[in-house]
Amino acid sequence: MHTVKRIEIISDSIELPRIIRSLKDSNIDRYTIFRNVETSGISGTDDAIEMAFIVAFCPPEQVKTAIEKIRPILNRFGGSCYVSDAMEVRSTNCVASL
């Protein structure tokens, strides 16, 4: 196991291409997108806007660059971003032991 950063982003789906481009520009290509999620925040819920949840993992040294690219998108269009520590377990090691 080794330490990685987990980046969780909640945004409307219209901004997905910009957010994904920012992740890729930061050399983060390991992410998962959950589309059409329901959220509740300060302004309550809005069924008219399709929301997305993105979770990405990267080495700690890459997170600052990614956040600098994502923050302007969220500031302009709304959304939330959370960064936390995580431990990655390489799954290829599990396959090799079968």
Protein backbone atom coordinates (compact mmCIF):
# COMPACT_ATOMS: atom_id res chain seq x y z
CA MET A 1 0.00 0.00 0.00
CA HIS A 2 1.08 3.55 -0.58
CA THR A 3 -0.30 7.02 0.12
CA VAL A 4 -2.32 8.83 -2.54
CA LYS A 5 -4.64 11.83 -2.56
CA ARG A 6 -8.35 11.34 -3.24
CA ILE A 7 -10.03 14.23 -5.06
CA GLU A 8 -13.82 14.30 -4.95
CA ILE A 9 -15.66 16.81 -7.12
CA ILE A 10 -19.39 17.49 -7.27
CA SER A 11 -20.47 19.66 -10.18
CA ASP A 12 -23.18 19.99 -12.77
CA SER A 13 -22.62 17.68 -15.73
CA ILE A 14 -22.18 20.56 -18.16
CA GLU A 15 -18.78 21.28 -16.60
CA LEU A 16 -17.56 17.67 -16.84
CA PRO A 17 -15.45 18.18 -19.99
CA ARG A 18 -13.62 21.15 -18.43
CA ILE A 19 -13.02 19.30 -15.16
CA ILE A 20 -11.79 16.14 -16.90
CA ARG A 21 -9.49 18.22 -19.14
CA SER A 22 -8.07 19.89 -16.01
CA LEU A 23 -7.40 16.50 -14.43
CA LYS A 24 -5.70 15.23 -17.60
CA ASP A 25 -3.68 18.46 -17.93
CA SER A 26 -2.46 17.71 -14.39
CA ASN A 27 -1.44 14.19 -15.49
CA ILE A 28 -4.26 12.59 -13.50
CA ASP A 29 -5.85 9.92 -15.64
CA ARG A 30 -7.26 7.68 -12.90
CA TYR A 31 -10.78 8.88 -12.21
CA THR A 32 -14.35 7.63 -12.05
CA ILE A 33 -17.47 9.59 -12.98
CA PHE A 34 -20.88 8.98 -11.45
CA ARG A 35 -23.47 10.72 -13.61
CA ASN A 36 -26.93 11.91 -12.67
CA VAL A 37 -26.35 12.01 -8.93
CA GLU A 38 -28.71 13.80 -6.57
CA THR A 39 -27.27 16.38 -4.20
CA SER A 40 -28.56 18.71 -1.55
CA GLY A 41 -26.64 21.84 -0.59
CA ILE A 42 -27.07 25.43 0.46
CA SER A 43 -29.59 26.11 -2.28
CA GLY A 44 -31.43 22.82 -1.69
CA THR A 45 -32.04 20.30 -4.44
CA ASP A 46 -32.66 21.10 -8.09
CA ASP A 47 -33.95 18.27 -10.24
CA ALA A 48 -33.54 20.37 -13.41
CA ILE A 49 -29.73 20.25 -13.23
CA GLU A 50 -27.98 16.94 -13.82
CA MET A 51 -25.14 16.62 -11.32
CA ALA A 52 -22.01 14.49 -11.53
CA PHE A 53 -19.61 13.14 -8.94
CA ILE A 54 -15.98 12.63 -9.93
CA VAL A 55 -13.49 10.77 -7.80
CA ALA A 56 -9.83 10.80 -8.79
CA PHE A 57 -6.65 9.50 -7.21
CA CYS A 58 -3.13 10.84 -7.67
CA PRO A 59 0.27 11.03 -6.01
CA PRO A 60 0.37 13.79 -3.35
CA GLU A 61 2.72 15.96 -5.41
CA GLN A 62 0.16 16.28 -8.25
CA VAL A 63 -2.82 17.49 -6.22
CA LYS A 64 -1.82 21.18 -5.99
CA THR A 65 -1.59 21.55 -9.77
CA ALA A 66 -4.95 19.86 -10.26
CA ILE A 67 -6.70 22.04 -7.67
CA GLU A 68 -5.26 25.20 -9.21
CA LYS A 69 -6.85 24.18 -12.53
CA ILE A 70 -10.19 23.02 -11.10
CA ARG A 71 -10.80 25.88 -8.66
CA PRO A 72 -11.56 28.53 -11.36
CA ILE A 73 -14.12 26.19 -12.97
CA LEU A 74 -15.91 25.63 -9.66
CA ASN A 75 -15.69 29.32 -8.73
CA ARG A 76 -17.29 30.31 -12.01
CA PHE A 77 -19.90 27.59 -12.40
CA GLY A 78 -20.41 26.25 -8.87
CA GLY A 79 -19.60 22.92 -7.33
CA SER A 80 -17.56 21.42 -4.54
CA CYS A 81 -14.16 19.79 -4.31
CA TYR A 82 -12.72 17.77 -1.44
CA VAL A 83 -9.19 16.42 -1.05
CA SER A 84 -8.27 13.73 1.43
CA ASP A 85 -5.59 11.15 2.08
CA ALA A 86 -6.08 7.56 0.98
CA MET A 87 -4.09 4.36 0.79
CA GLU A 88 -3.91 2.55 -2.53
CA VAL A 89 -3.73 -1.21 -2.72
CA ARG A 90 -2.34 -2.36 -6.03
CA SER A 91 -4.81 -4.88 -7.36
CA THR A 92 -2.33 -6.49 -9.73
CA ASN A 93 -0.59 -7.97 -6.68
CA CYS A 94 -3.85 -9.73 -5.75
CA VAL A 95 -4.27 -11.16 -9.26
CA ALA A 96 -0.70 -12.43 -9.28
CA SER A 97 -1.32 -14.43 -6.11
CA LEU A 98 -4.27 -16.39 -7.53
